């Protein structure tokens, strides 16, 4: 306990990193096992794309409701429920039988419900950040949480392939489910919704946290979350939601199709695809906290708007350049490295989205970030199904060019965001 004394907030952020990693292991494992699933269930690429989209659709539809639940009942209980839910449906994915007429429909339903369970993760984590992390530390805190995305997705290729080769693809889902349940049990033990409720927090840490929440103290202490009409009418919320749609479209090319692209299009063997397929996710894991650290540093010198918006705008533009260049490289291994640079550049902007949404929302951080993340996941659902269609008719290069163009649009939208303008409402609905 002496090691973490005065640093309980960082213990919770670390465990959110762990939960984030496991959540992405649970969702990415199907793309690694995709070829085996296609063979066993006699699916085409477009049908597998529907399966990918089913998850993202459930995930997107329940972002805002999941955030509202976290605002009302606290992130501790909602995340605990979420870990149990997604462990159940991860395991059920492996129980889907082959050979039935309704096999595809069952697989679609199972993945949709898995998406519903995972939808609470990041809105709830943002609600935790709004209560536990002072404004000047939110960039690195969110960056570290979302480093779990890269860590989980990066561990998935070698882990899933090892299990697949030795035990079959179904075991990769069962093992992922058990890991998720264990992480949820630890979360229930160590987490509390507010610093004052935690038995391990000291007065000094509580004072430090509260001093950094002063700008949004009124919103944080209000009795009820903001009404939906206030949230949805905000120009800030609209701009970051549209930008996050662009972000999600690009990110999900890596989560859904990158491994298949390397093995099926670029011609790398299974082992090489596993290792080179890790590169974008390792870049995400490194660049997410790096972007948060840089934006925190710049915020102390130049203010939140220049720092958060500037980093997000520049990094999404840089991603567009990398993604465009990656399609022009002939060597598959070099192309993997360049495209990984694009994934890393994209994730330099990740913490800005979540830091800004919590800063403008206060006690409604779960609801606001849920709306924003819904936009991102709709982008993911579109790319999961649209990417193979574009590739089939125009080539894989065109699929990546579309992603690069959306990155440019997402970058420009950040010029419209003002993180110093808090959401407020003078009436109840």
Protein backbone atom coordinates (compact mmCIF):
# COMPACT_ATOMS: atom_id res chain seq x y z
CA UNK A 1 0.00 0.00 0.00
CA UNK A 2 2.91 2.39 0.64
CA UNK A 3 3.82 2.25 -3.06
CA UNK A 4 0.41 3.50 -4.19
CA UNK A 5 -0.27 5.81 -1.25
CA UNK A 6 -1.44 9.14 -2.65
CA UNK A 7 -1.72 7.63 -6.16
CA UNK A 8 -4.98 5.70 -6.05
CA UNK A 9 -6.23 7.56 -9.12
CA UNK A 10 -3.35 6.10 -11.13
CA UNK A 11 -4.09 2.60 -9.84
CA UNK A 12 -7.62 2.96 -11.24
CA UNK A 13 -6.29 4.34 -14.53
CA UNK A 14 -3.88 1.40 -14.77
CA UNK A 15 -6.71 -1.07 -14.27
CA UNK A 16 -8.77 0.74 -16.89
CA UNK A 17 -5.78 0.19 -19.20
CA UNK A 18 -6.01 -3.54 -18.40
CA UNK A 19 -9.78 -3.65 -19.00
CA UNK A 20 -9.31 -1.69 -22.23
CA UNK A 21 -6.71 -4.20 -23.43
CA UNK A 22 -8.93 -7.18 -22.63
CA UNK A 23 -11.93 -5.55 -24.31
CA UNK A 24 -9.94 -5.16 -27.52
CA UNK A 25 -8.56 -8.68 -27.27
CA UNK A 26 -12.17 -9.88 -27.13
CA UNK A 27 -13.19 -7.90 -30.20
CA UNK A 28 -10.08 -8.34 -32.37
CA UNK A 29 -9.72 -12.10 -31.89
CA UNK A 30 -12.45 -12.70 -34.47
CA UNK A 31 -10.49 -10.87 -37.18
CA UNK A 32 -7.42 -13.04 -36.46
CA UNK A 33 -9.54 -16.21 -36.49
CA UNK A 34 -11.53 -14.87 -39.45
CA UNK A 35 -10.05 -17.19 -42.09
CA UNK A 36 -10.75 -20.26 -39.94
CA UNK A 37 -14.29 -19.07 -39.25
CA UNK A 38 -14.87 -18.43 -42.97
CA UNK A 39 -13.76 -21.97 -43.80
CA UNK A 40 -15.76 -23.67 -41.06
CA UNK A 41 -18.95 -21.67 -41.62
CA UNK A 42 -18.50 -21.35 -45.42
CA UNK A 43 -18.59 -17.56 -45.32
CA UNK A 44 -17.42 -15.05 -47.90
CA UNK A 45 -15.43 -11.90 -47.08
CA UNK A 46 -18.55 -9.76 -47.37
CA UNK A 47 -20.45 -12.03 -44.93
CA UNK A 48 -17.56 -11.88 -42.47
CA UNK A 49 -17.76 -8.11 -42.87
CA UNK A 50 -21.40 -8.30 -41.76
CA UNK A 51 -20.27 -10.18 -38.65
CA UNK A 52 -17.69 -7.47 -37.90
CA UNK A 53 -20.36 -4.81 -38.46
CA UNK A 54 -22.87 -6.59 -36.19
CA UNK A 55 -20.51 -6.13 -33.25
CA UNK A 56 -19.83 -2.50 -34.09
CA UNK A 57 -23.53 -1.78 -34.62
CA UNK A 58 -24.43 -3.08 -31.13
CA UNK A 59 -21.42 -1.25 -29.73
CA UNK A 60 -22.44 2.01 -31.41
CA UNK A 61 -26.14 1.88 -30.55
CA UNK A 62 -25.51 1.45 -26.81
CA UNK A 63 -22.74 4.03 -26.36
CA UNK A 64 -25.03 6.85 -25.27
CA UNK A 65 -27.28 4.62 -23.08
CA UNK A 66 -24.14 3.08 -21.54
CA UNK A 67 -22.75 6.51 -20.77
CA UNK A 68 -26.03 7.60 -19.20
CA UNK A 69 -26.05 4.48 -17.02
CA UNK A 70 -22.51 5.30 -15.85
CA UNK A 71 -23.60 8.87 -15.05
CA UNK A 72 -26.56 7.65 -13.00
CA UNK A 73 -25.23 4.52 -11.30
CA UNK A 74 -21.47 5.08 -11.33
CA UNK A 75 -18.68 3.54 -13.40
CA UNK A 76 -17.84 0.89 -10.80
CA UNK A 77 -21.13 -1.01 -11.05
CA UNK A 78 -21.63 -0.46 -14.78
CA UNK A 79 -18.14 -1.65 -15.71
CA UNK A 80 -18.52 -4.70 -13.47
CA UNK A 81 -21.76 -5.58 -15.24
CA UNK A 82 -20.12 -4.97 -18.61
CA UNK A 83 -17.21 -7.35 -17.98
CA UNK A 84 -19.60 -10.17 -17.07
CA UNK A 85 -21.78 -9.47 -20.11
CA UNK A 86 -18.99 -9.43 -22.67
CA UNK A 87 -17.28 -12.48 -21.18
CA UNK A 88 -20.55 -14.37 -21.61
CA UNK A 89 -21.02 -13.43 -25.25
CA UNK A 90 -17.34 -13.89 -26.10
CA UNK A 91 -17.69 -17.47 -24.87
CA UNK A 92 -21.01 -17.94 -26.70
CA UNK A 93 -19.35 -16.92 -29.99
CA UNK A 94 -17.30 -20.12 -29.74
CA UNK A 95 -20.46 -22.18 -29.17
CA UNK A 96 -22.10 -21.11 -32.44
CA UNK A 97 -22.63 -24.36 -34.40
CA UNK A 98 -21.49 -24.86 -37.98
CA UNK A 99 -23.66 -26.42 -40.67
CA UNK A 100 -27.03 -24.94 -39.69
CA UNK A 101 -29.06 -22.77 -42.05
CA UNK A 102 -29.27 -20.15 -39.31
CA UNK A 103 -25.56 -20.26 -38.38
CA UNK A 104 -24.81 -16.84 -39.88
CA UNK A 105 -27.83 -15.29 -38.15
CA UNK A 106 -26.79 -16.76 -34.79
CA UNK A 107 -23.25 -15.46 -35.27
CA UNK A 108 -24.56 -12.01 -36.16
CA UNK A 109 -26.81 -11.92 -33.08
CA UNK A 110 -24.06 -13.10 -30.75
CA UNK A 111 -21.61 -10.50 -31.98
CA UNK A 112 -24.25 -7.75 -31.81
CA UNK A 113 -24.93 -8.56 -28.15
CA UNK A 114 -21.20 -8.66 -27.42
CA UNK A 115 -21.05 -5.13 -28.80
CA UNK A 116 -23.89 -4.09 -26.50
CA UNK A 117 -21.92 -5.29 -23.46
CA UNK A 118 -18.65 -3.67 -24.48
CA UNK A 119 -20.39 -0.35 -25.21
CA UNK A 120 -20.18 0.74 -21.56
CA UNK A 121 -16.38 0.53 -21.28
CA UNK A 122 -15.15 3.92 -22.49
CA UNK A 123 -18.11 6.13 -21.52
CA UNK A 124 -17.83 4.65 -18.01
CA UNK A 125 -14.06 5.18 -17.96
CA UNK A 126 -14.57 8.80 -19.02
CA UNK A 127 -17.03 9.26 -16.16
CA UNK A 128 -14.34 7.88 -13.85
CA UNK A 129 -11.80 10.32 -15.29
CA UNK A 130 -14.20 13.24 -14.76
CA UNK A 131 -14.38 12.42 -11.02
CA UNK A 132 -10.85 11.22 -10.33
CA UNK A 133 -8.45 13.08 -12.64
CA UNK A 134 -7.73 16.83 -12.50
CA UNK A 135 -7.84 18.69 -15.81
CA UNK A 136 -4.07 19.05 -16.11
CA UNK A 137 -3.61 15.25 -15.99
CA UNK A 138 -6.43 14.12 -18.24
CA UNK A 139 -4.40 13.92 -21.42
CA UNK A 140 -1.94 11.37 -20.10
CA UNK A 141 -4.67 9.54 -18.15
CA UNK A 142 -6.85 9.07 -21.23
CA UNK A 143 -3.82 8.33 -23.35
CA UNK A 144 -2.80 5.56 -20.98
CA UNK A 145 -6.31 4.07 -20.91
CA UNK A 146 -6.42 3.95 -24.69
CA UNK A 147 -2.93 2.52 -24.87
CA UNK A 148 -4.80 -0.59 -23.77
CA UNK A 149 -6.47 -0.62 -27.19
CA UNK A 150 -3.11 -1.07 -28.87
CA UNK A 151 -1.87 -3.46 -26.20
CA UNK A 152 -4.91 -5.74 -26.44
CA UNK A 153 -5.08 -5.62 -30.21
CA UNK A 154 -1.30 -6.11 -30.42
CA UNK A 155 -1.27 -9.17 -28.16
CA UNK A 156 -4.17 -10.70 -30.07
CA UNK A 157 -2.39 -11.85 -33.28
CA UNK A 158 0.36 -14.04 -31.74
CA UNK A 159 -1.83 -15.22 -28.85
CA UNK A 160 -4.84 -16.13 -30.97
CA UNK A 161 -2.72 -17.76 -33.66
CA UNK A 162 -0.87 -19.85 -31.06
CA UNK A 163 -4.16 -21.04 -29.56
CA UNK A 164 -5.67 -21.51 -33.02
CA UNK A 165 -2.80 -23.69 -34.22
CA UNK A 166 -2.67 -25.81 -31.08
CA UNK A 167 -6.29 -25.95 -29.90
CA UNK A 168 -8.54 -24.46 -32.59
CA UNK A 169 -10.11 -21.02 -32.94
CA UNK A 170 -12.92 -21.64 -30.43
CA UNK A 171 -10.50 -21.94 -27.52
CA UNK A 172 -9.20 -18.41 -28.18
CA UNK A 173 -12.69 -17.10 -27.37
CA UNK A 174 -13.13 -19.20 -24.24
CA UNK A 175 -9.74 -18.14 -22.86
CA UNK A 176 -10.49 -14.46 -23.62
CA UNK A 177 -13.77 -14.77 -21.71
CA UNK A 178 -12.07 -16.14 -18.58
CA UNK A 179 -9.48 -13.34 -18.65
CA UNK A 180 -12.28 -10.77 -18.85
CA UNK A 181 -14.10 -12.19 -15.84
CA UNK A 182 -10.91 -12.09 -13.77
CA UNK A 183 -10.29 -8.44 -14.67
CA UNK A 184 -13.87 -7.56 -13.72
CA UNK A 185 -13.49 -9.17 -10.30
CA UNK A 186 -10.38 -7.10 -9.57
CA UNK A 187 -12.18 -3.96 -10.74
CA UNK A 188 -15.02 -4.48 -8.24
CA UNK A 189 -12.44 -4.82 -5.47
CA UNK A 190 -10.29 -1.75 -6.21
CA UNK A 191 -12.68 0.77 -7.79
CA UNK A 192 -14.93 3.42 -6.30
CA UNK A 193 -16.95 6.09 -8.12
CA UNK A 194 -15.51 9.10 -6.27
CA UNK A 195 -12.24 9.76 -4.39
CA UNK A 196 -14.09 10.43 -1.13
CA UNK A 197 -15.66 6.95 -1.25
CA UNK A 198 -12.38 5.05 -1.53
CA UNK A 199 -10.90 3.69 1.72
CA UNK A 200 -7.35 4.02 0.38
CA UNK A 201 -7.36 7.68 -0.68
CA UNK A 202 -5.61 10.24 1.49
CA UNK A 203 -6.72 13.79 2.17
CA UNK A 204 -3.83 15.18 0.11
CA UNK A 205 -4.79 13.25 -2.99
CA UNK A 206 -8.44 14.25 -2.63
CA UNK A 207 -7.43 17.91 -2.30
CA UNK A 208 -5.18 17.63 -5.37
CA UNK A 209 -7.98 16.11 -7.43
CA UNK A 210 -10.57 18.64 -6.28
CA UNK A 211 -8.29 21.58 -7.01
CA UNK A 212 -8.04 20.43 -10.62
CA UNK A 213 -11.79 20.05 -11.02
CA UNK A 214 -12.61 23.63 -10.12
CA UNK A 215 -13.46 24.72 -13.65
CA UNK A 216 -16.15 22.09 -14.00
CA UNK A 217 -17.11 21.79 -10.35
CA UNK A 218 -20.65 23.06 -10.85
CA UNK A 219 -21.39 20.54 -13.58
CA UNK A 220 -19.78 17.71 -11.65
CA UNK A 221 -21.83 18.30 -8.53
CA UNK A 222 -25.20 18.82 -10.19
CA UNK A 223 -27.95 16.49 -9.03
CA UNK A 224 -28.85 15.19 -12.48
CA UNK A 225 -27.00 14.60 -15.78
CA UNK A 226 -27.59 17.09 -18.57
CA UNK A 227 -30.68 16.49 -20.74
CA UNK A 228 -30.11 14.91 -24.15
CA UNK A 229 -31.34 17.99 -26.02
CA UNK A 230 -28.57 20.10 -24.44
CA UNK A 231 -25.94 17.55 -25.37
CA UNK A 232 -27.12 16.97 -28.93
CA UNK A 233 -27.59 20.68 -29.67
CA UNK A 234 -23.99 21.52 -28.75
CA UNK A 235 -21.73 22.54 -31.65
CA UNK A 236 -18.76 21.17 -29.72
CA UNK A 237 -20.39 17.77 -29.32
CA UNK A 238 -21.45 17.70 -32.97
CA UNK A 239 -17.94 18.59 -34.21
CA UNK A 240 -16.08 16.03 -32.09
CA UNK A 241 -18.70 13.37 -32.87
CA UNK A 242 -18.31 13.87 -36.64
CA UNK A 243 -14.53 13.92 -36.26
CA UNK A 244 -14.69 10.72 -34.22
CA UNK A 245 -16.76 9.12 -37.00
CA UNK A 246 -13.80 9.77 -39.31
CA UNK A 247 -11.41 8.51 -36.65
CA UNK A 248 -13.42 5.31 -36.13
CA UNK A 249 -13.61 4.60 -39.85
CA UNK A 250 -9.82 4.62 -40.12
CA UNK A 251 -9.16 2.77 -36.86
CA UNK A 252 -11.45 -0.12 -37.77
CA UNK A 253 -9.59 -0.83 -40.99
CA UNK A 254 -6.74 -1.91 -38.72
CA UNK A 255 -8.98 -3.75 -36.25
CA UNK A 256 -11.07 -5.58 -38.84
CA UNK A 257 -9.11 -5.97 -42.06
CA UNK A 258 -5.40 -5.33 -41.58
CA UNK A 259 -4.46 -8.93 -40.76
CA UNK A 260 -6.50 -10.26 -43.69
CA UNK A 261 -4.97 -7.54 -45.91
CA UNK A 262 -1.44 -8.63 -45.04
CA UNK A 263 -2.08 -12.34 -45.53
CA UNK A 264 -4.62 -12.34 -48.36
CA UNK A 265 -3.60 -9.26 -50.38
CA UNK A 266 0.05 -8.64 -49.59
CA UNK A 267 0.87 -12.36 -49.53
CA UNK A 268 2.56 -12.69 -46.12
CA UNK A 269 2.39 -16.14 -44.53
CA UNK A 270 0.46 -16.75 -41.32
CA UNK A 271 3.47 -16.28 -39.03
CA UNK A 272 4.70 -13.11 -40.75
CA UNK A 273 1.17 -11.71 -40.83
CA UNK A 274 0.91 -12.27 -37.08
CA UNK A 275 4.08 -10.35 -36.32
CA UNK A 276 3.67 -7.55 -38.84
CA UNK A 277 0.00 -7.37 -37.93
CA UNK A 278 1.08 -6.35 -34.43
CA UNK A 279 2.87 -3.20 -35.60
CA UNK A 280 -0.13 -0.84 -35.89
CA UNK A 281 -1.33 -1.84 -32.44
CA UNK A 282 2.10 -1.41 -30.86
CA UNK A 283 2.21 2.04 -32.48
CA UNK A 284 -1.22 2.79 -30.97
CA UNK A 285 -0.05 1.65 -27.52
CA UNK A 286 2.99 3.95 -27.70
CA UNK A 287 1.39 6.98 -29.34
CA UNK A 288 -1.81 7.14 -27.28
CA UNK A 289 -0.10 8.11 -23.99
CA UNK A 290 2.50 10.12 -25.93
CA UNK A 291 -0.23 12.25 -27.48
CA UNK A 292 -1.84 12.71 -24.06
CA UNK A 293 1.45 13.73 -22.47
CA UNK A 294 2.18 16.24 -25.24
CA UNK A 295 -1.30 17.78 -25.04
CA UNK A 296 -1.03 18.09 -21.23
CA UNK A 297 2.35 19.76 -21.60
CA UNK A 298 1.12 22.17 -24.25
CA UNK A 299 -2.04 22.93 -22.26
CA UNK A 300 0.00 24.35 -19.37
CA UNK A 301 1.79 26.73 -21.76
CA UNK A 302 -0.73 27.57 -24.46
CA UNK A 303 -4.17 26.74 -23.05
CA UNK A 304 -6.49 23.82 -23.59
CA UNK A 305 -7.85 24.84 -26.98
CA UNK A 306 -4.49 25.12 -28.72
CA UNK A 307 -3.18 22.02 -26.97
CA UNK A 308 -6.05 19.52 -27.33
CA UNK A 309 -7.36 20.75 -30.68
CA UNK A 310 -3.91 21.40 -32.13
CA UNK A 311 -2.57 17.94 -31.34
CA UNK A 312 -5.72 16.24 -32.67
CA UNK A 313 -5.81 18.31 -35.86
CA UNK A 314 -2.13 17.77 -36.68
CA UNK A 315 -2.05 14.06 -35.84
CA UNK A 316 -5.11 13.18 -37.94
CA UNK A 317 -3.61 15.06 -40.89
CA UNK A 318 -0.35 13.15 -40.38
CA UNK A 319 -2.29 9.87 -40.35
CA UNK A 320 -3.76 10.71 -43.77
CA UNK A 321 -0.24 11.13 -45.17
CA UNK A 322 1.01 7.81 -43.77
CA UNK A 323 -2.04 5.86 -44.94
CA UNK A 324 -1.74 7.29 -48.45
CA UNK A 325 1.98 6.50 -48.65
CA UNK A 326 1.48 2.99 -47.27
CA UNK A 327 -0.62 1.97 -50.25
CA UNK A 328 2.15 3.04 -52.66
CA UNK A 329 4.90 0.91 -51.12
CA UNK A 330 5.52 -2.33 -53.03
CA UNK A 331 7.26 -4.35 -50.33
CA UNK A 332 4.67 -5.82 -47.93
CA UNK A 333 6.87 -5.50 -44.85
CA UNK A 334 7.79 -1.88 -45.50
CA UNK A 335 4.14 -1.11 -46.26
CA UNK A 336 3.21 -2.63 -42.89
CA UNK A 337 5.64 -0.30 -41.14
CA UNK A 338 4.37 2.79 -42.98
CA UNK A 339 0.73 1.93 -42.31
CA UNK A 340 1.62 1.28 -38.67
CA UNK A 341 2.95 4.84 -38.62
CA UNK A 342 -0.49 5.95 -39.75
CA UNK A 343 -2.15 4.04 -36.91
CA UNK A 344 0.27 5.60 -34.43
CA UNK A 345 -0.35 9.10 -35.79
CA UNK A 346 -4.10 8.53 -35.51
CA UNK A 347 -3.77 7.53 -31.86
CA UNK A 348 -1.81 10.66 -31.01
CA UNK A 349 -5.22 12.33 -31.18
CA UNK A 350 -7.10 9.75 -29.07
CA UNK A 351 -6.76 11.36 -25.65
CA UNK A 352 -7.86 14.74 -27.03
CA UNK A 353 -11.31 13.39 -27.90
CA UNK A 354 -11.87 12.00 -24.44
CA UNK A 355 -10.21 14.81 -22.50
CA UNK A 356 -12.32 17.42 -24.27
CA UNK A 357 -15.57 15.47 -23.88
CA UNK A 358 -15.02 15.12 -20.12
CA UNK A 359 -13.92 18.78 -19.75
CA UNK A 360 -17.04 20.20 -21.38
CA UNK A 361 -19.47 17.75 -19.76
CA UNK A 362 -18.59 17.44 -16.05
CA UNK A 363 -21.02 15.03 -14.37
CA UNK A 364 -22.45 14.11 -17.80
CA UNK A 365 -19.07 12.95 -19.13
CA UNK A 366 -20.42 9.44 -19.64
CA UNK A 367 -23.37 10.63 -21.71
CA UNK A 368 -21.39 13.10 -23.83
CA UNK A 369 -18.53 10.69 -24.52
CA UNK A 370 -21.13 8.01 -25.27
CA UNK A 371 -22.63 10.20 -28.00
CA UNK A 372 -19.16 10.95 -29.35
CA UNK A 373 -18.11 7.31 -29.29
CA UNK A 374 -21.35 6.31 -30.98
CA UNK A 375 -20.21 8.42 -33.92
CA UNK A 376 -16.83 6.67 -33.90
CA UNK A 377 -18.37 3.23 -33.81
CA UNK A 378 -20.81 4.03 -36.62
CA UNK A 379 -17.70 4.89 -38.61
CA UNK A 380 -16.29 1.51 -37.61
CA UNK A 381 -19.45 -0.30 -38.68
CA UNK A 382 -19.33 1.45 -42.06
CA UNK A 383 -15.69 0.55 -42.70
CA UNK A 384 -16.16 -3.08 -41.59
CA UNK A 385 -18.69 -3.65 -44.37
CA UNK A 386 -17.68 -1.00 -46.91
CA UNK A 387 -13.94 -1.75 -47.04
CA UNK A 388 -14.25 -5.17 -48.78
CA UNK A 389 -16.84 -3.75 -51.18
CA UNK A 390 -14.54 -0.89 -52.23
CA UNK A 391 -11.62 -3.33 -52.44
CA UNK A 392 -13.61 -5.73 -54.63
CA UNK A 393 -14.63 -3.08 -57.17
CA UNK A 394 -11.74 -0.59 -57.04
CA UNK A 395 -8.85 -2.35 -55.25
CA UNK A 396 -7.48 -2.23 -51.73
CA UNK A 397 -5.61 0.97 -52.48
CA UNK A 398 -8.92 2.75 -52.95
CA UNK A 399 -10.12 1.49 -49.55
CA UNK A 400 -7.15 3.13 -47.86
CA UNK A 401 -7.51 6.33 -49.93
CA UNK A 402 -11.09 6.72 -48.64
CA UNK A 403 -9.76 6.34 -45.10
CA UNK A 404 -7.09 8.98 -45.74
CA UNK A 405 -9.69 11.43 -47.08
CA UNK A 406 -11.83 10.97 -43.96
CA UNK A 407 -8.77 11.64 -41.80
CA UNK A 408 -8.39 15.03 -43.49
CA UNK A 409 -12.05 15.84 -42.81
CA UNK A 410 -11.68 14.75 -39.17
CA UNK A 411 -8.64 16.96 -38.82
CA UNK A 412 -10.44 20.06 -40.14
CA UNK A 413 -13.40 19.51 -37.81
CA UNK A 414 -11.12 20.06 -34.81
CA UNK A 415 -10.79 23.70 -35.85
CA UNK A 416 -14.43 24.13 -34.79
CA UNK A 417 -14.00 22.73 -31.25
CA UNK A 418 -13.63 24.89 -28.14
CA UNK A 419 -12.83 22.78 -25.02
CA UNK A 420 -13.21 25.81 -22.74
CA UNK A 421 -16.94 26.09 -23.49
CA UNK A 422 -18.77 23.93 -20.94
CA UNK A 423 -22.18 22.42 -21.51
CA UNK A 424 -24.84 23.94 -19.26
CA UNK A 425 -28.60 23.82 -18.91
CA UNK A 426 -30.93 26.08 -16.99
CA UNK A 427 -33.95 23.78 -17.19
CA UNK A 428 -34.84 20.14 -16.57
CA UNK A 429 -36.36 17.70 -19.01
